[in-house]
């Protein structure tokens, strides 16, 4: 019985494709009229000493 050995296919090296760049005008994701307000803990107003300032602290708090 004769054993059939498949021929190995050799892949020729491919030339690298040039990268495509977008031609669209880039827009900022944040509009020009976007306003950021200070958080209580950043402005130092209305906070008690033991007030939590993030989710993790709130979950561990006994208040």
PDB file of N, CA and C in Angstrom:
ATOM      1  N   UNK A   1       0.843  -1.165   0.000  1.00  0.00           N
ATOM      2  CA  UNK A   1       0.000   0.000   0.000  1.00  0.00           C
ATOM      3  C   UNK A   1       0.899   1.243   0.000  1.00  0.00           C
ATOM      4  N   UNK A   2       0.519   2.164  -0.816  1.00  0.00           N
ATOM      5  CA  UNK A   2       1.342   3.362  -0.964  1.00  0.00           C
ATOM      6  C   UNK A   2       0.784   4.486  -0.082  1.00  0.00           C
ATOM      7  N   UNK A   3       1.676   5.141   0.643  1.00  0.00           N
ATOM      8  CA  UNK A   3       1.248   6.218   1.532  1.00  0.00           C
ATOM      9  C   UNK A   3       1.185   7.529   0.748  1.00  0.00           C
ATOM     10  N   UNK A   4       0.048   8.230   0.905  1.00  0.00           N
ATOM     11  CA  UNK A   4      -0.136   9.484   0.182  1.00  0.00           C
ATOM     12  C   UNK A   4       0.298  10.633   1.100  1.00  0.00           C
ATOM     13  N   UNK A   5       1.259  11.400   0.648  1.00  0.00           N
ATOM     14  CA  UNK A   5       1.752  12.539   1.416  1.00  0.00           C
ATOM     15  C   UNK A   5       1.305  13.804   0.698  1.00  0.00           C
ATOM     16  N   UNK A   6       0.509  14.629   1.378  1.00  0.00           N
ATOM     17  CA  UNK A   6       0.056  15.860   0.709  1.00  0.00           C
ATOM     18  C   UNK A   6       1.234  16.813   0.488  1.00  0.00           C
ATOM     19  N   UNK A   7       1.184  17.485  -0.638  1.00  0.00           N
ATOM     20  CA  UNK A   7       2.248  18.445  -0.933  1.00  0.00           C
ATOM     21  C   UNK A   7       2.062  19.680  -0.057  1.00  0.00           C
ATOM     22  N   UNK A   8       3.164  20.177   0.451  1.00  0.00           N
ATOM     23  CA  UNK A   8       3.094  21.390   1.259  1.00  0.00           C
ATOM     24  C   UNK A   8       2.970  22.583   0.334  1.00  0.00           C
ATOM     25  N   UNK A   9       2.035  23.433   0.667  1.00  0.00           N
ATOM     26  CA  UNK A   9       1.872  24.632  -0.139  1.00  0.00           C
ATOM     27  C   UNK A   9       2.784  25.711   0.428  1.00  0.00           C
ATOM     28  N   UNK A  10       3.570  26.278  -0.427  1.00  0.00           N
ATOM     29  CA  UNK A  10       4.442  27.355   0.024  1.00  0.00           C
ATOM     30  C   UNK A  10       3.758  28.677  -0.272  1.00  0.00           C
ATOM     31  N   UNK A  11       3.694  29.495   0.730  1.00  0.00           N
ATOM     32  CA  UNK A  11       3.066  30.797   0.568  1.00  0.00           C
ATOM     33  C   UNK A  11       4.133  31.813   0.193  1.00  0.00           C
ATOM     34  N   UNK A  12       3.866  32.512  -0.868  1.00  0.00           N
ATOM     35  CA  UNK A  12       4.816  33.548  -1.264  1.00  0.00           C
ATOM     36  C   UNK A  12       4.614  34.748  -0.343  1.00  0.00           C
ATOM     37  N   UNK A  13       5.695  35.416   0.022  1.00  0.00           N
ATOM     38  CA  UNK A  13       5.545  36.575   0.913  1.00  0.00           C
ATOM     39  C   UNK A  13       4.707  37.660   0.246  1.00  0.00           C
ATOM     40  N   UNK A  14       3.747  38.166   1.003  1.00  0.00           N
ATOM     41  CA  UNK A  14       2.865  39.187   0.456  1.00  0.00           C
ATOM     42  C   UNK A  14       3.454  40.562   0.716  1.00  0.00           C
ATOM     43  N   UNK A  15       3.229  41.455  -0.221  1.00  0.00           N
ATOM     44  CA  UNK A  15       3.691  42.823  -0.034  1.00  0.00           C
ATOM     45  C   UNK A  15       2.771  43.494   0.980  1.00  0.00           C
ATOM     46  N   UNK A  16       3.337  44.265   1.896  1.00  0.00           N
ATOM     47  CA  UNK A  16       2.477  44.926   2.888  1.00  0.00           C
ATOM     48  C   UNK A  16       1.571  45.956   2.219  1.00  0.00           C
ATOM     49  N   UNK A  17       0.320  45.936   2.639  1.00  0.00           N
ATOM     50  CA  UNK A  17      -0.651  46.885   2.100  1.00  0.00           C
ATOM     51  C   UNK A  17      -0.431  48.233   2.781  1.00  0.00           C
ATOM     52  N   UNK A  18      -0.513  49.317   2.038  1.00  0.00           N
ATOM     53  CA  UNK A  18      -0.376  50.627   2.681  1.00  0.00           C
ATOM     54  C   UNK A  18      -1.580  50.897   3.579  1.00  0.00           C
ATOM     55  N   UNK A  19      -1.324  51.558   4.703  1.00  0.00           N
ATOM     56  CA  UNK A  19      -2.403  51.869   5.636  1.00  0.00           C
ATOM     57  C   UNK A  19      -3.300  52.945   5.048  1.00  0.00           C
ATOM     58  N   UNK A  20      -4.597  52.765   5.278  1.00  0.00           N
ATOM     59  CA  UNK A  20      -5.553  53.759   4.783  1.00  0.00           C
ATOM     60  C   UNK A  20      -5.818  54.772   5.879  1.00  0.00           C
ATOM     61  N   UNK A  21      -5.882  56.024   5.513  1.00  0.00           N
ATOM     62  CA  UNK A  21      -6.209  57.080   6.467  1.00  0.00           C
ATOM     63  C   UNK A  21      -7.569  57.647   6.134  1.00  0.00           C
ATOM     64  N   UNK A  22      -8.307  57.988   7.170  1.00  0.00           N
ATOM     65  CA  UNK A  22      -9.620  58.580   6.976  1.00  0.00           C
ATOM     66  C   UNK A  22      -9.467  59.985   6.404  1.00  0.00           C
ATOM     67  N   UNK A  23     -10.372  60.329   5.523  1.00  0.00           N
ATOM     68  CA  UNK A  23     -10.342  61.675   4.946  1.00  0.00           C
ATOM     69  C   UNK A  23     -11.385  62.571   5.602  1.00  0.00           C
ATOM     70  N   UNK A  24     -12.135  62.028   6.560  1.00  0.00           N
ATOM     71  CA  UNK A  24     -13.149  62.823   7.256  1.00  0.00           C
ATOM     72  C   UNK A  24     -12.498  63.819   8.201  1.00  0.00           C
ATOM     73  N   UNK A  25     -13.163  64.954   8.370  1.00  0.00           N
ATOM     74  CA  UNK A  25     -12.679  65.952   9.320  1.00  0.00           C
ATOM     75  C   UNK A  25     -12.950  65.438  10.727  1.00  0.00           C
ATOM     76  N   UNK A  26     -11.945  65.507  11.576  1.00  0.00           N
ATOM     77  CA  UNK A  26     -12.107  65.024  12.947  1.00  0.00           C
ATOM     78  C   UNK A  26     -12.878  66.039  13.762  1.00  0.00           C
ATOM     79  N   UNK A  27     -13.847  65.531  14.532  1.00  0.00           N
ATOM     80  CA  UNK A  27     -14.628  66.383  15.424  1.00  0.00           C
ATOM     81  C   UNK A  27     -14.379  65.924  16.848  1.00  0.00           C
ATOM     82  N   UNK A  28     -14.380  66.862  17.758  1.00  0.00           N
ATOM     83  CA  UNK A  28     -14.216  66.527  19.162  1.00  0.00           C
ATOM     84  C   UNK A  28     -15.479  65.823  19.656  1.00  0.00           C
ATOM     85  N   UNK A  29     -15.314  64.847  20.526  1.00  0.00           N
ATOM     86  CA  UNK A  29     -16.465  64.140  21.087  1.00  0.00           C
ATOM     87  C   UNK A  29     -17.175  64.995  22.129  1.00  0.00           C
ATOM     88  N   UNK A  30     -16.472  65.991  22.649  1.00  0.00           N
ATOM     89  CA  UNK A  30     -17.046  66.874  23.661  1.00  0.00           C
ATOM     90  C   UNK A  30     -17.367  68.210  22.998  1.00  0.00           C
ATOM     91  N   UNK A  31     -18.623  68.640  23.041  1.00  0.00           N
ATOM     92  CA  UNK A  31     -18.985  69.907  22.394  1.00  0.00           C
ATOM     93  C   UNK A  31     -18.323  71.104  23.082  1.00  0.00           C
ATOM     94  N   UNK A  32     -18.230  72.214  22.362  1.00  0.00           N
ATOM     95  CA  UNK A  32     -17.584  73.416  22.892  1.00  0.00           C
ATOM     96  C   UNK A  32     -18.333  74.011  24.080  1.00  0.00           C
ATOM     97  N   UNK A  33     -19.647  73.809  24.157  1.00  0.00           N
ATOM     98  CA  UNK A  33     -20.429  74.410  25.236  1.00  0.00           C
ATOM     99  C   UNK A  33     -20.623  73.471  26.434  1.00  0.00           C
ATOM    100  N   UNK A  34     -19.823  72.418  26.514  1.00  0.00           N
ATOM    101  CA  UNK A  34     -19.915  71.461  27.613  1.00  0.00           C
ATOM    102  C   UNK A  34     -19.347  72.096  28.879  1.00  0.00           C
ATOM    103  N   UNK A  35     -20.098  72.022  29.973  1.00  0.00           N
ATOM    104  CA  UNK A  35     -19.679  72.629  31.237  1.00  0.00           C
ATOM    105  C   UNK A  35     -19.514  71.526  32.279  1.00  0.00           C
ATOM    106  N   UNK A  36     -18.411  71.564  32.993  1.00  0.00           N
ATOM    107  CA  UNK A  36     -18.154  70.602  34.058  1.00  0.00           C
ATOM    108  C   UNK A  36     -18.304  71.324  35.387  1.00  0.00           C
ATOM    109  N   UNK A  37     -19.133  70.775  36.253  1.00  0.00           N
ATOM    110  CA  UNK A  37     -19.344  71.366  37.566  1.00  0.00           C
ATOM    111  C   UNK A  37     -18.484  70.635  38.587  1.00  0.00           C
ATOM    112  N   UNK A  38     -18.009  71.369  39.571  1.00  0.00           N
ATOM    113  CA  UNK A  38     -17.206  70.762  40.624  1.00  0.00           C
ATOM    114  C   UNK A  38     -18.071  69.851  41.478  1.00  0.00           C
ATOM    115  N   UNK A  39     -17.489  68.770  41.908  1.00  0.00           N
ATOM    116  CA  UNK A  39     -18.156  67.891  42.854  1.00  0.00           C
ATOM    117  C   UNK A  39     -18.027  68.505  44.245  1.00  0.00           C
ATOM    118  N   UNK A  40     -18.905  68.100  45.165  1.00  0.00           N
ATOM    119  CA  UNK A  40     -18.853  68.644  46.523  1.00  0.00           C
ATOM    120  C   UNK A  40     -17.484  68.433  47.157  1.00  0.00           C
ATOM    121  N   UNK A  41     -16.911  67.244  46.961  1.00  0.00           N
ATOM    122  CA  UNK A  41     -15.632  66.957  47.613  1.00  0.00           C
ATOM    123  C   UNK A  41     -14.482  67.740  46.981  1.00  0.00           C
ATOM    124  N   UNK A  42     -14.632  68.202  45.729  1.00  0.00           N
ATOM    125  CA  UNK A  42     -13.585  68.995  45.087  1.00  0.00           C
ATOM    126  C   UNK A  42     -13.662  70.456  45.510  1.00  0.00           C
ATOM    127  N   UNK A  43     -14.855  70.943  45.766  1.00  0.00           N
ATOM    128  CA  UNK A  43     -15.026  72.338  46.148  1.00  0.00           C
ATOM    129  C   UNK A  43     -14.949  72.521  47.663  1.00  0.00           C
ATOM    130  N   UNK A  44     -15.057  71.414  48.399  1.00  0.00           N
ATOM    131  CA  UNK A  44     -14.982  71.484  49.851  1.00  0.00           C
ATOM    132  C   UNK A  44     -16.223  72.074  50.486  1.00  0.00           C
ATOM    133  N   UNK A  45     -17.383  71.922  49.842  1.00  0.00           N
ATOM    134  CA  UNK A  45     -18.617  72.483  50.392  1.00  0.00           C
ATOM    135  C   UNK A  45     -19.595  71.368  50.730  1.00  0.00           C
ATOM    136  N   UNK A  46     -20.335  71.544  51.807  1.00  0.00           N
ATOM    137  CA  UNK A  46     -21.416  70.642  52.150  1.00  0.00           C
ATOM    138  C   UNK A  46     -21.015  69.225  52.483  1.00  0.00           C
ATOM    139  N   UNK A  47     -19.765  68.997  52.770  1.00  0.00           N
ATOM    140  CA  UNK A  47     -19.318  67.643  53.081  1.00  0.00           C
ATOM    141  C   UNK A  47     -19.036  67.502  54.567  1.00  0.00           C
ATOM    142  N   UNK A  48     -19.525  66.410  55.119  1.00  0.00           N
ATOM    143  CA  UNK A  48     -19.166  66.085  56.491  1.00  0.00           C
ATOM    144  C   UNK A  48     -17.871  65.284  56.410  1.00  0.00           C
ATOM    145  N   UNK A  49     -17.215  65.145  57.517  1.00  0.00           N
ATOM    146  CA  UNK A  49     -15.918  64.481  57.521  1.00  0.00           C
ATOM    147  C   UNK A  49     -15.991  63.023  57.064  1.00  0.00           C
ATOM    148  N   UNK A  50     -17.082  62.334  57.407  1.00  0.00           N
ATOM    149  CA  UNK A  50     -17.167  60.907  57.086  1.00  0.00           C
ATOM    150  C   UNK A  50     -18.049  60.616  55.866  1.00  0.00           C
ATOM    151  N   UNK A  51     -18.393  61.626  55.070  1.00  0.00           N
ATOM    152  CA  UNK A  51     -19.207  61.401  53.868  1.00  0.00           C
ATOM    153  C   UNK A  51     -18.406  60.638  52.810  1.00  0.00           C
ATOM    154  N   UNK A  52     -19.000  59.610  52.236  1.00  0.00           N
ATOM    155  CA  UNK A  52     -18.302  58.894  51.160  1.00  0.00           C
ATOM    156  C   UNK A  52     -18.260  59.753  49.889  1.00  0.00           C
ATOM    157  N   UNK A  53     -17.165  59.641  49.131  1.00  0.00           N
ATOM    158  CA  UNK A  53     -17.065  60.424  47.897  1.00  0.00           C
ATOM    159  C   UNK A  53     -17.016  59.543  46.651  1.00  0.00           C
ATOM    160  N   UNK A  54     -17.062  58.222  46.837  1.00  0.00           N
ATOM    161  CA  UNK A  54     -17.149  57.335  45.675  1.00  0.00           C
ATOM    162  C   UNK A  54     -17.984  56.108  46.034  1.00  0.00           C
ATOM    163  N   UNK A  55     -18.281  55.291  45.060  1.00  0.00           N
ATOM    164  CA  UNK A  55     -19.159  54.134  45.241  1.00  0.00           C
ATOM    165  C   UNK A  55     -18.594  53.162  46.273  1.00  0.00           C
ATOM    166  N   UNK A  56     -17.302  52.888  46.176  1.00  0.00           N
ATOM    167  CA  UNK A  56     -16.678  51.929  47.084  1.00  0.00           C
ATOM    168  C   UNK A  56     -16.821  52.396  48.539  1.00  0.00           C
ATOM    169  N   UNK A  57     -16.552  53.673  48.779  1.00  0.00           N
ATOM    170  CA  UNK A  57     -16.690  54.201  50.137  1.00  0.00           C
ATOM    171  C   UNK A  57     -18.144  54.164  50.600  1.00  0.00           C
ATOM    172  N   UNK A  58     -19.071  54.429  49.704  1.00  0.00           N
ATOM    173  CA  UNK A  58     -20.489  54.402  50.064  1.00  0.00           C
ATOM    174  C   UNK A  58     -20.931  52.991  50.443  1.00  0.00           C
ATOM    175  N   UNK A  59     -20.427  51.977  49.743  1.00  0.00           N
ATOM    176  CA  UNK A  59     -20.812  50.597  50.041  1.00  0.00           C
ATOM    177  C   UNK A  59     -20.235  50.135  51.377  1.00  0.00           C
ATOM    178  N   UNK A  60     -19.076  50.670  51.757  1.00  0.00           N
ATOM    179  CA  UNK A  60     -18.464  50.283  53.025  1.00  0.00           C
ATOM    180  C   UNK A  60     -18.960  51.132  54.191  1.00  0.00           C
ATOM    181  N   UNK A  61     -19.679  52.207  53.902  1.00  0.00           N
ATOM    182  CA  UNK A  61     -20.121  53.149  54.924  1.00  0.00           C
ATOM    183  C   UNK A  61     -21.263  52.569  55.759  1.00  0.00           C
ATOM    184  N   UNK A  62     -21.307  52.974  57.016  1.00  0.00           N
ATOM    185  CA  UNK A  62     -22.408  52.550  57.887  1.00  0.00           C
ATOM    186  C   UNK A  62     -23.542  53.564  57.867  1.00  0.00           C
ATOM    187  N   UNK A  63     -23.379  54.680  57.159  1.00  0.00           N
ATOM    188  CA  UNK A  63     -24.418  55.730  57.094  1.00  0.00           C
ATOM    189  C   UNK A  63     -25.573  55.295  56.254  1.00  0.00           C
TER     190      UNK A  63
END
